[in-house]
Amino acid sequence: MPLVVPTPVPAYPPAPQPTDDRVTFSTKAFALAASYEPQRLAFNVALDQVYTNAQWAQAKALDAQNAATAAGQSANAANASRVAADTAVQDVRDAMDAIQAGPVASVMGRTGVVVGLVERSGPIYTKATSMADAPLGQWASYNDGTGAGADWPTTLTISCWNVFTFGTALRKTQRATQVLEGTQQGWTFERQLHDAAWSPWARVFTASAVIEQVKLHSNVSGAITCDPAAGSMHMVGMAGNLAINIPAPRAMGDQLTIRIYQTGSFSLTFGSNVALPVGATLPTLAFGEWLTVTLCTDNGLTKWFLFVAGRHAG
């Protein structure tokens, strides 16, 4: 409803005076009487306009009252937020005071005073301590200059491994990275604990460590198994007639390289799930010769396709 500008009410004509002569008195009286009706109508219009403006003023007053109420509520909410922020800040200050005062349990599982929120370095072990006994949920360092531990990833004589073990008591993942400068610097290995059994170490390939994992079979005869899970390359030294068995492929893309060294005049065969190229046979190895074969999977994941790479002198 808009604010209305009131219409001006016209003034009354002059009233007759006792001192007027008869003609003037009569003229003024008739003029005054004639003005009553227009004035009444003008007054009614003005009163309607005044009423309209009064309603407008009342509506604006109600809007102002509502705005004042909303402002009060916003002020209360802002004050509550300020109180909550003050409480949170105080909680952080109390926590910092408690951390600096100690003792507290750190994220690395240690207790004591944590100075400046910086963790101390992890424990340091030699080959006398198994990596399987590394503390759960924190880093540890394994250093030795006299040889490798029984369950270390490689057999370097001088090595330093940073080891991180995480998971639960019976379901662990362990990662070990070689630190010392040399051919294995940056090599990272990982293994898993299922209940009481650790899996073999598996090397994590990086741009600087794309070297195949090798499994050695020294001076073997009879039946042996070359499992790709133990390494993508197997080195086999024949000490008698030999039958090589290979487990079923793990997945499409599984592959294996086997290098076989002849130390006599022994025969060599492969299991029934290994297929040679059509019309091909395994070559006969002379003493001191190497035979290299590569194998890849078939589509049904039941057979290995064998390819003879060739023979080399030892």
C-alpha atoms as a PDB file:
ATOM      1  CA  MET A   1       0.000   0.000   0.000  1.00  0.00           C
ATOM      2  CA  PRO A   2       1.670   3.284  -1.143  1.00  0.00           C
ATOM      3  CA  LEU A   3       1.914   6.466   0.904  1.00  0.00           C
ATOM      4  CA  VAL A   4      -0.698   9.009  -0.270  1.00  0.00           C
ATOM      5  CA  VAL A   5      -0.100  12.765  -0.551  1.00  0.00           C
ATOM      6  CA  PRO A   6      -3.250  14.344   1.019  1.00  0.00           C
ATOM      7  CA  THR A   7      -5.434  16.525  -1.232  1.00  0.00           C
ATOM      8  CA  PRO A   8      -5.586  20.130   0.099  1.00  0.00           C
ATOM      9  CA  VAL A   9      -8.972  21.148   1.609  1.00  0.00           C
ATOM     10  CA  PRO A  10     -10.189  24.490   0.146  1.00  0.00           C
ATOM     11  CA  ALA A  11     -10.627  27.349   2.586  1.00  0.00           C
ATOM     12  CA  TYR A  12     -14.076  28.584   3.724  1.00  0.00           C
ATOM     13  CA  PRO A  13     -15.280  31.886   2.247  1.00  0.00           C
ATOM     14  CA  PRO A  14     -15.386  34.881   4.622  1.00  0.00           C
ATOM     15  CA  ALA A  15     -18.166  34.690   7.220  1.00  0.00           C
ATOM     16  CA  PRO A  16     -20.748  37.586   7.450  1.00  0.00           C
ATOM     17  CA  GLN A  17     -20.039  40.159  10.145  1.00  0.00           C
ATOM     18  CA  PRO A  18     -22.527  42.093  12.297  1.00  0.00           C
ATOM     19  CA  THR A  19     -21.103  45.307  10.955  1.00  0.00           C
ATOM     20  CA  ASP A  20     -21.820  44.367   7.329  1.00  0.00           C
ATOM     21  CA  ASP A  21     -24.644  46.128   5.543  1.00  0.00           C
ATOM     22  CA  ARG A  22     -27.648  44.071   4.542  1.00  0.00           C
ATOM     23  CA  VAL A  23     -26.501  43.281   1.006  1.00  0.00           C
ATOM     24  CA  THR A  24     -22.924  42.354   2.020  1.00  0.00           C
ATOM     25  CA  PHE A  25     -24.167  40.285   4.933  1.00  0.00           C
ATOM     26  CA  SER A  26     -26.582  38.351   2.700  1.00  0.00           C
ATOM     27  CA  THR A  27     -23.942  37.770  -0.011  1.00  0.00           C
ATOM     28  CA  LYS A  28     -21.408  36.389   2.488  1.00  0.00           C
ATOM     29  CA  ALA A  29     -24.010  34.242   4.175  1.00  0.00           C
ATOM     30  CA  PHE A  30     -25.147  32.637   0.925  1.00  0.00           C
ATOM     31  CA  ALA A  31     -21.508  32.041  -0.147  1.00  0.00           C
ATOM     32  CA  LEU A  32     -20.645  30.444   3.202  1.00  0.00           C
ATOM     33  CA  ALA A  33     -23.676  28.154   3.076  1.00  0.00           C
ATOM     34  CA  ALA A  34     -22.866  27.151  -0.493  1.00  0.00           C
ATOM     35  CA  SER A  35     -19.339  26.096   0.563  1.00  0.00           C
ATOM     36  CA  TYR A  36     -20.471  23.580   3.171  1.00  0.00           C
ATOM     37  CA  GLU A  37     -21.130  20.674   0.792  1.00  0.00           C
ATOM     38  CA  PRO A  38     -17.854  20.951  -1.190  1.00  0.00           C
ATOM     39  CA  GLN A  39     -16.021  21.264   2.101  1.00  0.00           C
ATOM     40  CA  ARG A  40     -17.740  18.133   3.453  1.00  0.00           C
ATOM     41  CA  LEU A  41     -16.705  16.162   0.395  1.00  0.00           C
ATOM     42  CA  ALA A  42     -13.136  17.488   0.627  1.00  0.00           C
ATOM     43  CA  PHE A  43     -12.956  16.573   4.310  1.00  0.00           C
ATOM     44  CA  ASN A  44     -14.134  13.024   3.550  1.00  0.00           C
ATOM     45  CA  VAL A  45     -11.432  12.612   0.868  1.00  0.00           C
ATOM     46  CA  ALA A  46      -8.800  13.967   3.239  1.00  0.00           C
ATOM     47  CA  LEU A  47      -9.910  11.623   6.016  1.00  0.00           C
ATOM     48  CA  ASP A  48      -9.680   8.596   3.659  1.00  0.00           C
ATOM     49  CA  GLN A  49      -6.178   9.655   2.692  1.00  0.00           C
ATOM     50  CA  VAL A  50      -5.183  10.139   6.329  1.00  0.00           C
ATOM     51  CA  TYR A  51      -6.530   6.641   7.116  1.00  0.00           C
ATOM     52  CA  THR A  52      -4.588   5.160   4.199  1.00  0.00           C
ATOM     53  CA  ASN A  53      -1.373   6.818   5.407  1.00  0.00           C
ATOM     54  CA  ALA A  54      -2.049   5.604   8.945  1.00  0.00           C
ATOM     55  CA  GLN A  55      -2.293   2.017   7.647  1.00  0.00           C
ATOM     56  CA  TRP A  56       0.978   2.498   5.707  1.00  0.00           C
ATOM     57  CA  ALA A  57       2.666   3.814   8.840  1.00  0.00           C
ATOM     58  CA  GLN A  58       1.381   0.852  10.850  1.00  0.00           C
ATOM     59  CA  ALA A  59       2.707  -1.633   8.241  1.00  0.00           C
ATOM     60  CA  LYS A  60       6.114   0.065   8.263  1.00  0.00           C
ATOM     61  CA  ALA A  61       6.163  -0.027  12.044  1.00  0.00           C
ATOM     62  CA  LEU A  62       5.425  -3.790  11.954  1.00  0.00           C
ATOM     63  CA  ASP A  63       8.219  -4.306   9.387  1.00  0.00           C
ATOM     64  CA  ALA A  64      10.588  -2.387  11.628  1.00  0.00           C
ATOM     65  CA  GLN A  65       9.560  -4.471  14.614  1.00  0.00           C
ATOM     66  CA  ASN A  66      10.153  -7.721  12.673  1.00  0.00           C
ATOM     67  CA  ALA A  67      13.523  -6.436  11.486  1.00  0.00           C
ATOM     68  CA  ALA A  68      14.469  -5.576  15.047  1.00  0.00           C
ATOM     69  CA  THR A  69      13.475  -9.089  16.174  1.00  0.00           C
ATOM     70  CA  ALA A  70      15.524 -10.690  13.376  1.00  0.00           C
ATOM     71  CA  ALA A  71      18.480  -8.481  14.238  1.00  0.00           C
ATOM     72  CA  GLY A  72      18.216  -9.585  17.849  1.00  0.00           C
ATOM     73  CA  GLN A  73      18.161 -13.226  16.815  1.00  0.00           C
ATOM     74  CA  SER A  74      21.208 -12.726  14.549  1.00  0.00           C
ATOM     75  CA  ALA A  75      23.001 -11.024  17.392  1.00  0.00           C
ATOM     76  CA  ASN A  76      22.233 -13.984  19.677  1.00  0.00           C
ATOM     77  CA  ALA A  77      23.466 -16.441  17.032  1.00  0.00           C
ATOM     78  CA  ALA A  78      26.638 -14.420  16.493  1.00  0.00           C
ATOM     79  CA  ASN A  79      27.262 -14.381  20.218  1.00  0.00           C
ATOM     80  CA  ALA A  80      26.739 -18.171  20.412  1.00  0.00           C
ATOM     81  CA  SER A  81      29.234 -18.643  17.539  1.00  0.00           C
ATOM     82  CA  ARG A  82      31.737 -16.423  19.315  1.00  0.00           C
ATOM     83  CA  VAL A  83      31.329 -18.440  22.510  1.00  0.00           C
ATOM     84  CA  ALA A  84      31.819 -21.715  20.564  1.00  0.00           C
ATOM     85  CA  ALA A  85      34.924 -20.313  18.845  1.00  0.00           C
ATOM     86  CA  ASP A  86      36.331 -19.186  22.181  1.00  0.00           C
ATOM     87  CA  THR A  87      35.691 -22.665  23.588  1.00  0.00           C
ATOM     88  CA  ALA A  88      37.391 -24.345  20.619  1.00  0.00           C
ATOM     89  CA  VAL A  89      40.408 -22.057  20.885  1.00  0.00           C
ATOM     90  CA  GLN A  90      40.668 -22.821  24.581  1.00  0.00           C
ATOM     91  CA  ASP A  91      40.412 -26.561  23.877  1.00  0.00           C
ATOM     92  CA  VAL A  92      43.325 -26.291  21.420  1.00  0.00           C
ATOM     93  CA  ARG A  93      45.349 -24.310  23.941  1.00  0.00           C
ATOM     94  CA  ASP A  94      44.618 -26.884  26.637  1.00  0.00           C
ATOM     95  CA  ALA A  95      45.635 -29.706  24.262  1.00  0.00           C
ATOM     96  CA  MET A  96      48.884 -27.927  23.357  1.00  0.00           C
ATOM     97  CA  ASP A  97      49.639 -27.354  27.037  1.00  0.00           C
ATOM     98  CA  ALA A  98      48.951 -31.035  27.745  1.00  0.00           C
ATOM     99  CA  ILE A  99      51.176 -32.172  24.854  1.00  0.00           C
ATOM    100  CA  GLN A 100      54.042 -29.961  25.957  1.00  0.00           C
ATOM    101  CA  ALA A 101      53.603 -30.935  29.599  1.00  0.00           C
ATOM    102  CA  GLY A 102      53.293 -34.662  28.820  1.00  0.00           C
ATOM    103  CA  PRO A 103      53.135 -37.525  29.081  1.00  0.00           C
ATOM    104  CA  VAL A 104      50.927 -38.193  26.055  1.00  0.00           C
ATOM    105  CA  ALA A 105      50.560 -41.010  23.518  1.00  0.00           C
ATOM    106  CA  SER A 106      51.964 -39.969  20.138  1.00  0.00           C
ATOM    107  CA  VAL A 107      50.751 -40.977  16.679  1.00  0.00           C
ATOM    108  CA  MET A 108      53.771 -43.260  16.473  1.00  0.00           C
ATOM    109  CA  GLY A 109      52.606 -45.212  19.507  1.00  0.00           C
ATOM    110  CA  ARG A 110      55.142 -43.794  21.965  1.00  0.00           C
ATOM    111  CA  THR A 111      54.370 -42.040  25.229  1.00  0.00           C
ATOM    112  CA  GLY A 112      56.130 -39.161  26.870  1.00  0.00           C
ATOM    113  CA  VAL A 113      56.701 -35.491  26.244  1.00  0.00           C
ATOM    114  CA  VAL A 114      56.495 -34.548  22.540  1.00  0.00           C
ATOM    115  CA  VAL A 115      58.660 -31.441  22.155  1.00  0.00           C
ATOM    116  CA  GLY A 116      57.353 -29.040  19.529  1.00  0.00           C
ATOM    117  CA  LEU A 117      54.975 -31.674  18.137  1.00  0.00           C
ATOM    118  CA  VAL A 118      57.940 -33.364  16.371  1.00  0.00           C
ATOM    119  CA  GLU A 119      58.285 -37.153  16.590  1.00  0.00           C
ATOM    120  CA  ARG A 120      61.576 -38.713  17.552  1.00  0.00           C
ATOM    121  CA  SER A 121      63.211 -41.077  15.086  1.00  0.00           C
ATOM    122  CA  GLY A 122      62.154 -44.719  15.162  1.00  0.00           C
ATOM    123  CA  PRO A 123      64.127 -47.570  16.720  1.00  0.00           C
ATOM    124  CA  ILE A 124      67.325 -48.854  15.078  1.00  0.00           C
ATOM    125  CA  TYR A 125      68.062 -52.578  14.791  1.00  0.00           C
ATOM    126  CA  THR A 126      70.777 -54.866  13.380  1.00  0.00           C
ATOM    127  CA  LYS A 127      70.469 -58.202  11.599  1.00  0.00           C
ATOM    128  CA  ALA A 128      70.039 -59.813  15.007  1.00  0.00           C
ATOM    129  CA  THR A 129      66.453 -58.549  15.032  1.00  0.00           C
ATOM    130  CA  SER A 130      63.946 -59.952  12.567  1.00  0.00           C
ATOM    131  CA  MET A 131      61.988 -57.487  10.449  1.00  0.00           C
ATOM    132  CA  ALA A 132      58.941 -59.546  11.383  1.00  0.00           C
ATOM    133  CA  ASP A 133      59.403 -58.119  14.896  1.00  0.00           C
ATOM    134  CA  ALA A 134      59.363 -54.492  13.720  1.00  0.00           C
ATOM    135  CA  PRO A 135      56.999 -52.328  15.802  1.00  0.00           C
ATOM    136  CA  LEU A 136      53.500 -51.941  14.386  1.00  0.00           C
ATOM    137  CA  GLY A 137      52.391 -48.510  13.215  1.00  0.00           C
ATOM    138  CA  GLN A 138      55.771 -46.770  13.059  1.00  0.00           C
ATOM    139  CA  TRP A 139      59.046 -46.557  11.202  1.00  0.00           C
ATOM    140  CA  ALA A 140      62.104 -48.563  12.173  1.00  0.00           C
ATOM    141  CA  SER A 141      65.623 -48.681  10.733  1.00  0.00           C
ATOM    142  CA  TYR A 142      67.583 -51.895  10.119  1.00  0.00           C
ATOM    143  CA  ASN A 143      71.341 -51.361   9.619  1.00  0.00           C
ATOM    144  CA  ASP A 144      74.184 -53.820   9.466  1.00  0.00           C
ATOM    145  CA  GLY A 145      77.617 -53.904   7.881  1.00  0.00           C
ATOM    146  CA  THR A 146      78.286 -57.611   8.406  1.00  0.00           C
ATOM    147  CA  GLY A 147      75.490 -59.205   6.399  1.00  0.00           C
ATOM    148  CA  ALA A 148      71.726 -59.367   5.994  1.00  0.00           C
ATOM    149  CA  GLY A 149      69.128 -60.596   8.442  1.00  0.00           C
ATOM    150  CA  ALA A 150      67.330 -63.882   7.852  1.00  0.00           C
ATOM    151  CA  ASP A 151      64.115 -62.204   6.678  1.00  0.00           C
ATOM    152  CA  TRP A 152      65.544 -59.089   5.010  1.00  0.00           C
ATOM    153  CA  PRO A 153      64.503 -58.417   1.394  1.00  0.00           C
ATOM    154  CA  THR A 154      67.995 -58.912  -0.141  1.00  0.00           C
ATOM    155  CA  THR A 155      71.358 -60.332   0.875  1.00  0.00           C
ATOM    156  CA  LEU A 156      73.420 -57.146   0.715  1.00  0.00           C
ATOM    157  CA  THR A 157      76.401 -57.369   3.058  1.00  0.00           C
ATOM    158  CA  ILE A 158      76.197 -53.683   3.971  1.00  0.00           C
ATOM    159  CA  SER A 159      72.682 -52.306   4.020  1.00  0.00           C
ATOM    160  CA  CYS A 160      70.313 -49.875   5.669  1.00  0.00           C
ATOM    161  CA  TRP A 161      66.570 -50.449   5.409  1.00  0.00           C
ATOM    162  CA  ASN A 162      63.817 -48.056   6.460  1.00  0.00           C
ATOM    163  CA  VAL A 163      60.878 -50.277   7.400  1.00  0.00           C
ATOM    164  CA  PHE A 164      57.238 -49.313   7.990  1.00  0.00           C
ATOM    165  CA  THR A 165      54.755 -51.860   9.343  1.00  0.00           C
ATOM    166  CA  PHE A 166      51.034 -51.145   9.480  1.00  0.00           C
ATOM    167  CA  GLY A 167      47.729 -53.008   9.856  1.00  0.00           C
ATOM    168  CA  THR A 168      46.670 -55.214  12.764  1.00  0.00           C
ATOM    169  CA  ALA A 169      48.463 -57.801  14.867  1.00  0.00           C
ATOM    170  CA  LEU A 170      47.500 -60.666  12.515  1.00  0.00           C
ATOM    171  CA  ARG A 171      47.020 -58.710   9.242  1.00  0.00           C
ATOM    172  CA  LYS A 172      50.093 -56.624   8.541  1.00  0.00           C
ATOM    173  CA  THR A 173      51.651 -54.930   5.546  1.00  0.00           C
ATOM    174  CA  GLN A 174      55.381 -54.243   5.713  1.00  0.00           C
ATOM    175  CA  ARG A 175      57.417 -52.021   3.395  1.00  0.00           C
ATOM    176  CA  ALA A 176      61.206 -51.823   3.334  1.00  0.00           C
ATOM    177  CA  THR A 177      63.287 -49.328   1.313  1.00  0.00           C
ATOM    178  CA  GLN A 178      67.055 -49.524   0.836  1.00  0.00           C
ATOM    179  CA  VAL A 179      68.776 -46.248   1.707  1.00  0.00           C
ATOM    180  CA  LEU A 180      72.508 -46.747   1.095  1.00  0.00           C
ATOM    181  CA  GLU A 181      74.043 -45.501  -2.133  1.00  0.00           C
ATOM    182  CA  GLY A 182      74.712 -48.323  -4.585  1.00  0.00           C
ATOM    183  CA  THR A 183      72.969 -50.654  -7.016  1.00  0.00           C
ATOM    184  CA  GLN A 184      69.984 -51.211  -4.720  1.00  0.00           C
ATOM    185  CA  GLN A 185      69.476 -47.665  -3.449  1.00  0.00           C
ATOM    186  CA  GLY A 186      65.776 -46.806  -3.601  1.00  0.00           C
ATOM    187  CA  TRP A 187      64.660 -50.402  -4.023  1.00  0.00           C
ATOM    188  CA  THR A 188      61.372 -50.914  -2.178  1.00  0.00           C
ATOM    189  CA  PHE A 189      59.917 -54.262  -1.157  1.00  0.00           C
ATOM    190  CA  GLU A 190      56.553 -55.170   0.335  1.00  0.00           C
ATOM    191  CA  ARG A 191      55.155 -58.264   2.024  1.00  0.00           C
ATOM    192  CA  GLN A 192      51.958 -59.256   3.861  1.00  0.00           C
ATOM    193  CA  LEU A 193      51.287 -61.132   7.093  1.00  0.00           C
ATOM    194  CA  HIS A 194      48.239 -63.448   7.150  1.00  0.00           C
ATOM    195  CA  ASP A 195      47.879 -64.815  10.670  1.00  0.00           C
ATOM    196  CA  ALA A 196      51.331 -66.245  11.382  1.00  0.00           C
ATOM    197  CA  ALA A 197      52.618 -66.584   7.786  1.00  0.00           C
ATOM    198  CA  TRP A 198      54.488 -63.840   5.936  1.00  0.00           C
ATOM    199  CA  SER A 199      54.276 -63.758   2.137  1.00  0.00           C
ATOM    200  CA  PRO A 200      57.514 -63.546   0.131  1.00  0.00           C
ATOM    201  CA  TRP A 201      58.945 -60.083  -0.388  1.00  0.00           C
ATOM    202  CA  ALA A 202      57.700 -58.484  -3.636  1.00  0.00           C
ATOM    203  CA  ARG A 203      59.680 -55.630  -5.118  1.00  0.00           C
ATOM    204  CA  VAL A 204      57.807 -52.449  -5.973  1.00  0.00           C
ATOM    205  CA  PHE A 205      58.929 -51.283  -9.406  1.00  0.00           C
ATOM    206  CA  THR A 206      59.911 -47.651  -9.834  1.00  0.00           C
ATOM    207  CA  ALA A 207      61.571 -45.672 -12.604  1.00  0.00           C
ATOM    208  CA  SER A 208      64.989 -46.482 -11.128  1.00  0.00           C
ATOM    209  CA  ALA A 209      64.382 -50.108 -10.143  1.00  0.00           C
ATOM    210  CA  VAL A 210      62.768 -51.950 -13.057  1.00  0.00           C
ATOM    211  CA  ILE A 211      64.841 -55.103 -12.529  1.00  0.00           C
ATOM    212  CA  GLU A 212      63.180 -58.506 -12.472  1.00  0.00           C
ATOM    213  CA  GLN A 213      62.922 -60.508  -9.282  1.00  0.00           C
ATOM    214  CA  VAL A 214      65.100 -63.642  -9.661  1.00  0.00           C
ATOM    215  CA  LYS A 215      64.475 -67.018  -8.014  1.00  0.00           C
ATOM    216  CA  LEU A 216      67.485 -69.391  -7.859  1.00  0.00           C
ATOM    217  CA  HIS A 217      67.242 -73.210  -8.117  1.00  0.00           C
ATOM    218  CA  SER A 218      70.795 -74.465  -7.618  1.00  0.00           C
ATOM    219  CA  ASN A 219      71.859 -78.039  -8.466  1.00  0.00           C
ATOM    220  CA  VAL A 220      68.363 -79.497  -8.703  1.00  0.00           C
ATOM    221  CA  SER A 221      67.013 -82.715 -10.205  1.00  0.00           C
ATOM    222  CA  GLY A 222      63.754 -84.615 -10.315  1.00  0.00           C
ATOM    223  CA  ALA A 223      60.629 -82.403 -10.248  1.00  0.00           C
ATOM    224  CA  ILE A 224      60.751 -78.746  -9.276  1.00  0.00           C
ATOM    225  CA  THR A 225      58.239 -75.894  -9.412  1.00  0.00           C
ATOM    226  CA  CYS A 226      58.954 -72.522 -10.971  1.00  0.00           C
ATOM    227  CA  ASP A 227      56.289 -70.247  -9.515  1.00  0.00           C
ATOM    228  CA  PRO A 228      55.932 -66.746 -11.038  1.00  0.00           C
ATOM    229  CA  ALA A 229      54.807 -65.513  -7.625  1.00  0.00           C
ATOM    230  CA  ALA A 230      58.352 -66.169  -6.357  1.00  0.00           C
ATOM    231  CA  GLY A 231      59.973 -64.164  -9.164  1.00  0.00           C
ATOM    232  CA  SER A 232      59.478 -63.320 -12.815  1.00  0.00           C
ATOM    233  CA  MET A 233      62.839 -64.924 -13.710  1.00  0.00           C
ATOM    234  CA  HIS A 234      64.036 -68.330 -12.494  1.00  0.00           C
ATOM    235  CA  MET A 235      67.651 -69.512 -12.770  1.00  0.00           C
ATOM    236  CA  VAL A 236      67.927 -73.329 -12.747  1.00  0.00           C
ATOM    237  CA  GLY A 237      71.098 -75.394 -12.404  1.00  0.00           C
ATOM    238  CA  MET A 238      70.551 -79.010 -13.526  1.00  0.00           C
ATOM    239  CA  ALA A 239      72.137 -81.702 -11.372  1.00  0.00           C
ATOM    240  CA  GLY A 240      70.140 -84.576 -12.916  1.00  0.00           C
ATOM    241  CA  ASN A 241      67.188 -85.298 -15.159  1.00  0.00           C
ATOM    242  CA  LEU A 242      64.734 -82.477 -14.563  1.00  0.00           C
ATOM    243  CA  ALA A 243      60.949 -81.940 -14.855  1.00  0.00           C
ATOM    244  CA  ILE A 244      59.803 -78.321 -14.431  1.00  0.00           C
ATOM    245  CA  ASN A 245      56.243 -77.693 -13.293  1.00  0.00           C
ATOM    246  CA  ILE A 246      54.583 -74.282 -13.406  1.00  0.00           C
ATOM    247  CA  PRO A 247      51.388 -73.391 -11.470  1.00  0.00           C
ATOM    248  CA  ALA A 248      48.357 -72.175 -13.407  1.00  0.00           C
ATOM    249  CA  PRO A 249      48.598 -68.545 -14.578  1.00  0.00           C
ATOM    250  CA  ARG A 250      47.451 -66.023 -11.975  1.00  0.00           C
ATOM    251  CA  ALA A 251      45.776 -63.635 -14.434  1.00  0.00           C
ATOM    252  CA  MET A 252      45.920 -62.437 -18.018  1.00  0.00           C
ATOM    253  CA  GLY A 253      49.331 -60.921 -18.658  1.00  0.00           C
ATOM    254  CA  ASP A 254      51.183 -63.330 -16.338  1.00  0.00           C
ATOM    255  CA  GLN A 255      54.607 -64.200 -17.742  1.00  0.00           C
ATOM    256  CA  LEU A 256      57.789 -66.002 -16.782  1.00  0.00           C
ATOM    257  CA  THR A 257      61.376 -66.368 -17.975  1.00  0.00           C
ATOM    258  CA  ILE A 258      63.400 -69.486 -17.121  1.00  0.00           C
ATOM    259  CA  ARG A 259      67.144 -69.855 -17.718  1.00  0.00           C
ATOM    260  CA  ILE A 260      68.460 -73.431 -17.424  1.00  0.00           C
ATOM    261  CA  TYR A 261      72.120 -74.429 -17.080  1.00  0.00           C
ATOM    262  CA  GLN A 262      73.239 -77.926 -18.143  1.00  0.00           C
ATOM    263  CA  THR A 263      75.913 -79.480 -15.915  1.00  0.00           C
ATOM    264  CA  GLY A 264      75.928 -82.915 -17.582  1.00  0.00           C
ATOM    265  CA  SER A 265      73.817 -84.624 -20.236  1.00  0.00           C
ATOM    266  CA  PHE A 266      70.505 -84.595 -18.365  1.00  0.00           C
ATOM    267  CA  SER A 267      67.036 -84.572 -19.879  1.00  0.00           C
ATOM    268  CA  LEU A 268      64.600 -81.668 -19.517  1.00  0.00           C
ATOM    269  CA  THR A 269      60.780 -81.742 -19.631  1.00  0.00           C
ATOM    270  CA  PHE A 270      57.912 -79.410 -18.700  1.00  0.00           C
ATOM    271  CA  GLY A 271      54.532 -80.107 -17.131  1.00  0.00           C
ATOM    272  CA  SER A 272      51.412 -80.892 -19.155  1.00  0.00           C
ATOM    273  CA  ASN A 273      50.101 -77.301 -18.909  1.00  0.00           C
ATOM    274  CA  VAL A 274      53.075 -76.006 -20.941  1.00  0.00           C
ATOM    275  CA  ALA A 275      52.594 -75.922 -24.729  1.00  0.00           C
ATOM    276  CA  LEU A 276      55.469 -75.579 -27.206  1.00  0.00           C
ATOM    277  CA  PRO A 277      54.997 -73.951 -30.605  1.00  0.00           C
ATOM    278  CA  VAL A 278      53.432 -76.250 -33.217  1.00  0.00           C
ATOM    279  CA  GLY A 279      56.077 -78.653 -34.524  1.00  0.00           C
ATOM    280  CA  ALA A 280      58.730 -77.433 -32.088  1.00  0.00           C
ATOM    281  CA  THR A 281      60.740 -79.472 -29.581  1.00  0.00           C
ATOM    282  CA  LEU A 282      63.070 -78.525 -26.769  1.00  0.00           C
ATOM    283  CA  PRO A 283      66.688 -78.396 -27.899  1.00  0.00           C
ATOM    284  CA  THR A 284      69.232 -80.811 -26.431  1.00  0.00           C
ATOM    285  CA  LEU A 285      71.663 -78.990 -24.162  1.00  0.00           C
ATOM    286  CA  ALA A 286      75.357 -79.782 -24.205  1.00  0.00           C
ATOM    287  CA  PHE A 287      77.452 -79.556 -21.059  1.00  0.00           C
ATOM    288  CA  GLY A 288      77.983 -75.943 -19.995  1.00  0.00           C
ATOM    289  CA  GLU A 289      75.190 -74.505 -22.159  1.00  0.00           C
ATOM    290  CA  TRP A 290      72.351 -72.191 -21.109  1.00  0.00           C
ATOM    291  CA  LEU A 291      68.804 -72.491 -22.442  1.00  0.00           C
ATOM    292  CA  THR A 292      66.484 -69.488 -22.121  1.00  0.00           C
ATOM    293  CA  VAL A 293      62.706 -69.918 -22.492  1.00  0.00           C
ATOM    294  CA  THR A 294      59.897 -67.424 -22.019  1.00  0.00           C
ATOM    295  CA  LEU A 295      56.294 -68.245 -21.198  1.00  0.00           C
ATOM    296  CA  CYS A 296      53.011 -66.317 -21.400  1.00  0.00           C
ATOM    297  CA  THR A 297      49.391 -67.204 -20.672  1.00  0.00           C
ATOM    298  CA  ASP A 298      46.587 -68.434 -22.894  1.00  0.00           C
ATOM    299  CA  ASN A 299      43.132 -66.824 -22.878  1.00  0.00           C
ATOM    300  CA  GLY A 300      41.634 -69.528 -20.664  1.00  0.00           C
ATOM    301  CA  LEU A 301      44.329 -69.177 -17.973  1.00  0.00           C
ATOM    302  CA  THR A 302      44.953 -72.926 -18.040  1.00  0.00           C
ATOM    303  CA  LYS A 303      48.100 -73.226 -20.164  1.00  0.00           C
ATOM    304  CA  TRP A 304      51.479 -71.598 -20.626  1.00  0.00           C
ATOM    305  CA  PHE A 305      52.759 -70.917 -24.148  1.00  0.00           C
ATOM    306  CA  LEU A 306      56.520 -71.584 -24.214  1.00  0.00           C
ATOM    307  CA  PHE A 307      58.915 -69.828 -26.602  1.00  0.00           C
ATOM    308  CA  VAL A 308      62.523 -70.987 -27.000  1.00  0.00           C
ATOM    309  CA  ALA A 309      64.707 -67.911 -26.946  1.00  0.00           C
ATOM    310  CA  GLY A 310      67.913 -69.806 -27.671  1.00  0.00           C
ATOM    311  CA  ARG A 311      71.023 -71.531 -26.362  1.00  0.00           C
ATOM    312  CA  HIS A 312      74.155 -69.818 -25.113  1.00  0.00           C
ATOM    313  CA  ALA A 313      77.578 -71.050 -24.125  1.00  0.00           C
ATOM    314  CA  GLY A 314      78.255 -70.894 -20.396  1.00  0.00           C
END
